[in-house]
Amino acid sequence: MTNPAPIDDVSIGGDTIRLGQFLKFAGVLDSGGDVKEAIIDGLVTVNGEVDRRRGRQLQLGDIVAFEGRRVRVRP
């Protein structure tokens, strides 16, 4: 069994952020176009489940994953 990727914590300075914004803010993806494509293609997971909504409101503690990188939303 393979160990999961370590989790990086990213502080958002508040309580919520949208998935698309978070992927750019955390440096997971560089552009809005890349974010849109990755989400639509089902390549992004939130708490282990594929989510195809760029506007999904993430909450503190949510874990977003893309291409082996995992990032946790922190205040």
PDB file of N, CA and C in Angstrom:
ATOM      1  N   MET A   1       0.838  -1.180   0.000  1.00  0.00           N
ATOM      2  CA  MET A   1       0.000   0.000   0.000  1.00  0.00           C
ATOM      3  C   MET A   1       0.880   1.240   0.000  1.00  0.00           C
ATOM      4  N   THR A   2       0.533   2.223  -0.800  1.00  0.00           N
ATOM      5  CA  THR A   2       1.300   3.457  -0.923  1.00  0.00           C
ATOM      6  C   THR A   2       0.856   4.461   0.125  1.00  0.00           C
ATOM      7  N   ASN A   3       1.825   5.143   0.730  1.00  0.00           N
ATOM      8  CA  ASN A   3       1.478   6.192   1.689  1.00  0.00           C
ATOM      9  C   ASN A   3       0.902   7.380   0.942  1.00  0.00           C
ATOM     10  N   PRO A   4      -0.151   7.999   1.484  1.00  0.00           N
ATOM     11  CA  PRO A   4      -0.706   9.185   0.831  1.00  0.00           C
ATOM     12  C   PRO A   4       0.288  10.341   0.903  1.00  0.00           C
ATOM     13  N   ALA A   5       0.132  11.277  -0.012  1.00  0.00           N
ATOM     14  CA  ALA A   5       1.000  12.458  -0.029  1.00  0.00           C
ATOM     15  C   ALA A   5       0.832  13.241   1.264  1.00  0.00           C
ATOM     16  N   PRO A   6       1.905  13.885   1.726  1.00  0.00           N
ATOM     17  CA  PRO A   6       1.758  14.725   2.920  1.00  0.00           C
ATOM     18  C   PRO A   6       0.783  15.866   2.641  1.00  0.00           C
ATOM     19  N   ILE A   7       0.261  16.425   3.700  1.00  0.00           N
ATOM     20  CA  ILE A   7      -0.716  17.511   3.563  1.00  0.00           C
ATOM     21  C   ILE A   7      -0.046  18.829   3.900  1.00  0.00           C
ATOM     22  N   ASP A   8      -0.157  19.779   2.974  1.00  0.00           N
ATOM     23  CA  ASP A   8       0.319  21.141   3.214  1.00  0.00           C
ATOM     24  C   ASP A   8      -0.837  21.953   3.768  1.00  0.00           C
ATOM     25  N   ASP A   9      -0.576  22.774   4.772  1.00  0.00           N
ATOM     26  CA  ASP A   9      -1.596  23.668   5.318  1.00  0.00           C
ATOM     27  C   ASP A   9      -1.467  25.034   4.667  1.00  0.00           C
ATOM     28  N   VAL A  10      -2.597  25.589   4.215  1.00  0.00           N
ATOM     29  CA  VAL A  10      -2.613  26.919   3.599  1.00  0.00           C
ATOM     30  C   VAL A  10      -3.615  27.782   4.346  1.00  0.00           C
ATOM     31  N   SER A  11      -3.140  28.875   4.919  1.00  0.00           N
ATOM     32  CA  SER A  11      -4.005  29.793   5.648  1.00  0.00           C
ATOM     33  C   SER A  11      -4.711  30.721   4.675  1.00  0.00           C
ATOM     34  N   ILE A  12      -6.043  30.794   4.805  1.00  0.00           N
ATOM     35  CA  ILE A  12      -6.822  31.629   3.894  1.00  0.00           C
ATOM     36  C   ILE A  12      -7.203  32.961   4.520  1.00  0.00           C
ATOM     37  N   GLY A  13      -6.916  33.148   5.799  1.00  0.00           N
ATOM     38  CA  GLY A  13      -7.208  34.413   6.459  1.00  0.00           C
ATOM     39  C   GLY A  13      -8.689  34.672   6.698  1.00  0.00           C
ATOM     40  N   GLY A  14      -9.489  33.624   6.711  1.00  0.00           N
ATOM     41  CA  GLY A  14     -10.927  33.765   6.947  1.00  0.00           C
ATOM     42  C   GLY A  14     -11.526  32.404   7.209  1.00  0.00           C
ATOM     43  N   ASP A  15     -12.850  32.299   7.021  1.00  0.00           N
ATOM     44  CA  ASP A  15     -13.535  31.043   7.311  1.00  0.00           C
ATOM     45  C   ASP A  15     -13.842  30.203   6.080  1.00  0.00           C
ATOM     46  N   THR A  16     -14.069  30.843   4.923  1.00  0.00           N
ATOM     47  CA  THR A  16     -14.418  30.103   3.714  1.00  0.00           C
ATOM     48  C   THR A  16     -13.709  30.684   2.507  1.00  0.00           C
ATOM     49  N   ILE A  17     -13.605  29.855   1.466  1.00  0.00           N
ATOM     50  CA  ILE A  17     -13.049  30.269   0.190  1.00  0.00           C
ATOM     51  C   ILE A  17     -13.623  29.323  -0.859  1.00  0.00           C
ATOM     52  N   ARG A  18     -13.776  29.786  -2.080  1.00  0.00           N
ATOM     53  CA  ARG A  18     -14.284  28.933  -3.154  1.00  0.00           C
ATOM     54  C   ARG A  18     -13.160  28.028  -3.662  1.00  0.00           C
ATOM     55  N   LEU A  19     -13.545  26.846  -4.125  1.00  0.00           N
ATOM     56  CA  LEU A  19     -12.585  25.847  -4.582  1.00  0.00           C
ATOM     57  C   LEU A  19     -11.653  26.399  -5.658  1.00  0.00           C
ATOM     58  N   GLY A  20     -12.203  27.049  -6.671  1.00  0.00           N
ATOM     59  CA  GLY A  20     -11.372  27.590  -7.743  1.00  0.00           C
ATOM     60  C   GLY A  20     -10.378  28.617  -7.234  1.00  0.00           C
ATOM     61  N   GLN A  21     -10.829  29.481  -6.355  1.00  0.00           N
ATOM     62  CA  GLN A  21      -9.948  30.501  -5.782  1.00  0.00           C
ATOM     63  C   GLN A  21      -8.844  29.847  -4.952  1.00  0.00           C
ATOM     64  N   PHE A  22      -9.205  28.835  -4.187  1.00  0.00           N
ATOM     65  CA  PHE A  22      -8.239  28.174  -3.308  1.00  0.00           C
ATOM     66  C   PHE A  22      -7.130  27.493  -4.107  1.00  0.00           C
ATOM     67  N   LEU A  23      -7.484  26.840  -5.210  1.00  0.00           N
ATOM     68  CA  LEU A  23      -6.466  26.161  -6.013  1.00  0.00           C
ATOM     69  C   LEU A  23      -5.415  27.144  -6.532  1.00  0.00           C
ATOM     70  N   LYS A  24      -5.842  28.334  -6.913  1.00  0.00           N
ATOM     71  CA  LYS A  24      -4.886  29.356  -7.357  1.00  0.00           C
ATOM     72  C   LYS A  24      -4.136  29.950  -6.169  1.00  0.00           C
ATOM     73  N   PHE A  25      -4.851  30.288  -5.103  1.00  0.00           N
ATOM     74  CA  PHE A  25      -4.256  30.903  -3.920  1.00  0.00           C
ATOM     75  C   PHE A  25      -3.179  30.011  -3.304  1.00  0.00           C
ATOM     76  N   ALA A  26      -3.440  28.707  -3.265  1.00  0.00           N
ATOM     77  CA  ALA A  26      -2.501  27.749  -2.670  1.00  0.00           C
ATOM     78  C   ALA A  26      -1.345  27.404  -3.608  1.00  0.00           C
ATOM     79  N   GLY A  27      -1.418  27.886  -4.849  1.00  0.00           N
ATOM     80  CA  GLY A  27      -0.352  27.607  -5.805  1.00  0.00           C
ATOM     81  C   GLY A  27      -0.412  26.215  -6.410  1.00  0.00           C
ATOM     82  N   VAL A  28      -1.559  25.564  -6.288  1.00  0.00           N
ATOM     83  CA  VAL A  28      -1.724  24.230  -6.853  1.00  0.00           C
ATOM     84  C   VAL A  28      -1.795  24.330  -8.374  1.00  0.00           C
ATOM     85  N   LEU A  29      -2.504  25.329  -8.873  1.00  0.00           N
ATOM     86  CA  LEU A  29      -2.589  25.615 -10.304  1.00  0.00           C
ATOM     87  C   LEU A  29      -2.332  27.100 -10.519  1.00  0.00           C
ATOM     88  N   ASP A  30      -1.834  27.442 -11.715  1.00  0.00           N
ATOM     89  CA  ASP A  30      -1.407  28.818 -11.965  1.00  0.00           C
ATOM     90  C   ASP A  30      -2.474  29.753 -12.505  1.00  0.00           C
ATOM     91  N   SER A  31      -3.386  29.234 -13.308  1.00  0.00           N
ATOM     92  CA  SER A  31      -4.346  30.133 -13.944  1.00  0.00           C
ATOM     93  C   SER A  31      -5.778  29.668 -13.748  1.00  0.00           C
ATOM     94  N   GLY A  32      -6.692  30.609 -13.916  1.00  0.00           N
ATOM     95  CA  GLY A  32      -8.108  30.286 -13.814  1.00  0.00           C
ATOM     96  C   GLY A  32      -8.535  29.265 -14.850  1.00  0.00           C
ATOM     97  N   GLY A  33      -7.936  29.347 -16.033  1.00  0.00           N
ATOM     98  CA  GLY A  33      -8.252  28.388 -17.088  1.00  0.00           C
ATOM     99  C   GLY A  33      -7.837  26.979 -16.708  1.00  0.00           C
ATOM    100  N   ASP A  34      -6.642  26.856 -16.117  1.00  0.00           N
ATOM    101  CA  ASP A  34      -6.165  25.543 -15.667  1.00  0.00           C
ATOM    102  C   ASP A  34      -7.057  24.990 -14.565  1.00  0.00           C
ATOM    103  N   VAL A  35      -7.471  25.874 -13.653  1.00  0.00           N
ATOM    104  CA  VAL A  35      -8.355  25.469 -12.558  1.00  0.00           C
ATOM    105  C   VAL A  35      -9.673  24.950 -13.120  1.00  0.00           C
ATOM    106  N   LYS A  36     -10.271  25.713 -14.014  1.00  0.00           N
ATOM    107  CA  LYS A  36     -11.562  25.333 -14.594  1.00  0.00           C
ATOM    108  C   LYS A  36     -11.469  23.968 -15.279  1.00  0.00           C
ATOM    109  N   GLU A  37     -10.431  23.780 -16.077  1.00  0.00           N
ATOM    110  CA  GLU A  37     -10.254  22.530 -16.812  1.00  0.00           C
ATOM    111  C   GLU A  37     -10.052  21.344 -15.858  1.00  0.00           C
ATOM    112  N   ALA A  38      -9.214  21.499 -14.844  1.00  0.00           N
ATOM    113  CA  ALA A  38      -8.941  20.416 -13.900  1.00  0.00           C
ATOM    114  C   ALA A  38     -10.199  20.019 -13.142  1.00  0.00           C
ATOM    115  N   ILE A  39     -10.980  21.012 -12.733  1.00  0.00           N
ATOM    116  CA  ILE A  39     -12.206  20.722 -11.979  1.00  0.00           C
ATOM    117  C   ILE A  39     -13.240  20.043 -12.869  1.00  0.00           C
ATOM    118  N   ILE A  40     -13.458  20.576 -14.062  1.00  0.00           N
ATOM    119  CA  ILE A  40     -14.438  19.998 -14.990  1.00  0.00           C
ATOM    120  C   ILE A  40     -14.058  18.568 -15.366  1.00  0.00           C
ATOM    121  N   ASP A  41     -12.749  18.308 -15.521  1.00  0.00           N
ATOM    122  CA  ASP A  41     -12.276  16.974 -15.893  1.00  0.00           C
ATOM    123  C   ASP A  41     -12.316  15.983 -14.730  1.00  0.00           C
ATOM    124  N   GLY A  42     -12.705  16.441 -13.539  1.00  0.00           N
ATOM    125  CA  GLY A  42     -12.820  15.550 -12.394  1.00  0.00           C
ATOM    126  C   GLY A  42     -11.485  15.173 -11.772  1.00  0.00           C
ATOM    127  N   LEU A  43     -10.483  16.030 -11.936  1.00  0.00           N
ATOM    128  CA  LEU A  43      -9.144  15.739 -11.424  1.00  0.00           C
ATOM    129  C   LEU A  43      -8.905  16.271 -10.017  1.00  0.00           C
ATOM    130  N   VAL A  44      -9.873  17.013  -9.484  1.00  0.00           N
ATOM    131  CA  VAL A  44      -9.730  17.624  -8.161  1.00  0.00           C
ATOM    132  C   VAL A  44     -10.682  16.931  -7.189  1.00  0.00           C
ATOM    133  N   THR A  45     -10.155  16.595  -6.005  1.00  0.00           N
ATOM    134  CA  THR A  45     -11.015  16.022  -4.977  1.00  0.00           C
ATOM    135  C   THR A  45     -11.049  16.933  -3.759  1.00  0.00           C
ATOM    136  N   VAL A  46     -12.167  16.896  -3.068  1.00  0.00           N
ATOM    137  CA  VAL A  46     -12.331  17.607  -1.800  1.00  0.00           C
ATOM    138  C   VAL A  46     -12.736  16.554  -0.779  1.00  0.00           C
ATOM    139  N   ASN A  47     -11.905  16.405   0.236  1.00  0.00           N
ATOM    140  CA  ASN A  47     -12.139  15.392   1.276  1.00  0.00           C
ATOM    141  C   ASN A  47     -12.333  14.002   0.665  1.00  0.00           C
ATOM    142  N   GLY A  48     -11.550  13.704  -0.374  1.00  0.00           N
ATOM    143  CA  GLY A  48     -11.555  12.377  -0.982  1.00  0.00           C
ATOM    144  C   GLY A  48     -12.603  12.134  -2.046  1.00  0.00           C
ATOM    145  N   GLU A  49     -13.437  13.123  -2.343  1.00  0.00           N
ATOM    146  CA  GLU A  49     -14.493  12.951  -3.345  1.00  0.00           C
ATOM    147  C   GLU A  49     -14.337  13.970  -4.468  1.00  0.00           C
ATOM    148  N   VAL A  50     -14.510  13.524  -5.704  1.00  0.00           N
ATOM    149  CA  VAL A  50     -14.435  14.425  -6.856  1.00  0.00           C
ATOM    150  C   VAL A  50     -15.529  15.474  -6.724  1.00  0.00           C
ATOM    151  N   ASP A  51     -15.144  16.729  -6.979  1.00  0.00           N
ATOM    152  CA  ASP A  51     -16.123  17.822  -6.970  1.00  0.00           C
ATOM    153  C   ASP A  51     -15.890  18.665  -8.207  1.00  0.00           C
ATOM    154  N   ARG A  52     -16.913  18.827  -9.020  1.00  0.00           N
ATOM    155  CA  ARG A  52     -16.789  19.555 -10.283  1.00  0.00           C
ATOM    156  C   ARG A  52     -17.370  20.970 -10.204  1.00  0.00           C
ATOM    157  N   ARG A  53     -17.419  21.532  -8.997  1.00  0.00           N
ATOM    158  CA  ARG A  53     -17.975  22.883  -8.821  1.00  0.00           C
ATOM    159  C   ARG A  53     -16.864  23.847  -8.404  1.00  0.00           C
ATOM    160  N   ARG A  54     -16.483  24.745  -9.313  1.00  0.00           N
ATOM    161  CA  ARG A  54     -15.455  25.743  -8.978  1.00  0.00           C
ATOM    162  C   ARG A  54     -15.907  26.625  -7.831  1.00  0.00           C
ATOM    163  N   GLY A  55     -17.207  26.867  -7.732  1.00  0.00           N
ATOM    164  CA  GLY A  55     -17.744  27.755  -6.718  1.00  0.00           C
ATOM    165  C   GLY A  55     -18.045  27.092  -5.388  1.00  0.00           C
ATOM    166  N   ARG A  56     -17.699  25.826  -5.250  1.00  0.00           N
ATOM    167  CA  ARG A  56     -17.954  25.137  -3.974  1.00  0.00           C
ATOM    168  C   ARG A  56     -17.263  25.897  -2.842  1.00  0.00           C
ATOM    169  N   GLN A  57     -18.003  26.142  -1.783  1.00  0.00           N
ATOM    170  CA  GLN A  57     -17.450  26.822  -0.607  1.00  0.00           C
ATOM    171  C   GLN A  57     -16.679  25.816   0.235  1.00  0.00           C
ATOM    172  N   LEU A  58     -15.392  26.013   0.352  1.00  0.00           N
ATOM    173  CA  LEU A  58     -14.577  25.171   1.221  1.00  0.00           C
ATOM    174  C   LEU A  58     -14.670  25.693   2.640  1.00  0.00           C
ATOM    175  N   GLN A  59     -14.565  24.796   3.570  1.00  0.00           N
ATOM    176  CA  GLN A  59     -14.601  25.139   4.992  1.00  0.00           C
ATOM    177  C   GLN A  59     -13.233  24.847   5.603  1.00  0.00           C
ATOM    178  N   LEU A  60     -12.976  25.418   6.750  1.00  0.00           N
ATOM    179  CA  LEU A  60     -11.722  25.161   7.447  1.00  0.00           C
ATOM    180  C   LEU A  60     -11.584  23.662   7.699  1.00  0.00           C
ATOM    181  N   GLY A  61     -10.411  23.128   7.412  1.00  0.00           N
ATOM    182  CA  GLY A  61     -10.147  21.707   7.605  1.00  0.00           C
ATOM    183  C   GLY A  61     -10.363  20.855   6.371  1.00  0.00           C
ATOM    184  N   ASP A  62     -11.044  21.384   5.337  1.00  0.00           N
ATOM    185  CA  ASP A  62     -11.223  20.625   4.097  1.00  0.00           C
ATOM    186  C   ASP A  62      -9.864  20.339   3.475  1.00  0.00           C
ATOM    187  N   ILE A  63      -9.745  19.166   2.847  1.00  0.00           N
ATOM    188  CA  ILE A  63      -8.508  18.787   2.173  1.00  0.00           C
ATOM    189  C   ILE A  63      -8.782  18.669   0.683  1.00  0.00           C
ATOM    190  N   VAL A  64      -8.041  19.460  -0.096  1.00  0.00           N
ATOM    191  CA  VAL A  64      -8.172  19.496  -1.546  1.00  0.00           C
ATOM    192  C   VAL A  64      -6.961  18.774  -2.137  1.00  0.00           C
ATOM    193  N   ALA A  65      -7.208  17.899  -3.116  1.00  0.00           N
ATOM    194  CA  ALA A  65      -6.113  17.157  -3.736  1.00  0.00           C
ATOM    195  C   ALA A  65      -6.159  17.289  -5.254  1.00  0.00           C
ATOM    196  N   PHE A  66      -4.955  17.369  -5.837  1.00  0.00           N
ATOM    197  CA  PHE A  66      -4.801  17.429  -7.291  1.00  0.00           C
ATOM    198  C   PHE A  66      -3.428  16.873  -7.637  1.00  0.00           C
ATOM    199  N   GLU A  67      -3.406  15.871  -8.510  1.00  0.00           N
ATOM    200  CA  GLU A  67      -2.160  15.266  -8.988  1.00  0.00           C
ATOM    201  C   GLU A  67      -1.184  14.929  -7.860  1.00  0.00           C
ATOM    202  N   GLY A  68      -1.688  14.278  -6.833  1.00  0.00           N
ATOM    203  CA  GLY A  68      -0.835  13.818  -5.754  1.00  0.00           C
ATOM    204  C   GLY A  68      -0.514  14.843  -4.682  1.00  0.00           C
ATOM    205  N   ARG A  69      -0.915  16.075  -4.889  1.00  0.00           N
ATOM    206  CA  ARG A  69      -0.678  17.112  -3.873  1.00  0.00           C
ATOM    207  C   ARG A  69      -1.943  17.283  -3.051  1.00  0.00           C
ATOM    208  N   ARG A  70      -1.803  17.341  -1.721  1.00  0.00           N
ATOM    209  CA  ARG A  70      -2.937  17.526  -0.835  1.00  0.00           C
ATOM    210  C   ARG A  70      -2.718  18.793  -0.015  1.00  0.00           C
ATOM    211  N   VAL A  71      -3.759  19.624   0.030  1.00  0.00           N
ATOM    212  CA  VAL A  71      -3.666  20.910   0.715  1.00  0.00           C
ATOM    213  C   VAL A  71      -4.873  21.072   1.633  1.00  0.00           C
ATOM    214  N   ARG A  72      -4.628  21.455   2.899  1.00  0.00           N
ATOM    215  CA  ARG A  72      -5.706  21.626   3.869  1.00  0.00           C
ATOM    216  C   ARG A  72      -5.985  23.112   4.065  1.00  0.00           C
ATOM    217  N   VAL A  73      -7.268  23.469   4.122  1.00  0.00           N
ATOM    218  CA  VAL A  73      -7.709  24.849   4.343  1.00  0.00           C
ATOM    219  C   VAL A  73      -7.558  25.173   5.818  1.00  0.00           C
ATOM    220  N   ARG A  74      -6.810  26.230   6.104  1.00  0.00           N
ATOM    221  CA  ARG A  74      -6.588  26.689   7.482  1.00  0.00           C
ATOM    222  C   ARG A  74      -6.990  28.146   7.614  1.00  0.00           C
ATOM    223  N   PRO A  75      -7.338  28.573   8.858  1.00  0.00           N
ATOM    224  CA  PRO A  75      -7.742  29.976   9.053  1.00  0.00           C
ATOM    225  C   PRO A  75      -6.554  30.932   8.900  1.00  0.00           C
TER     226      PRO A  75
END
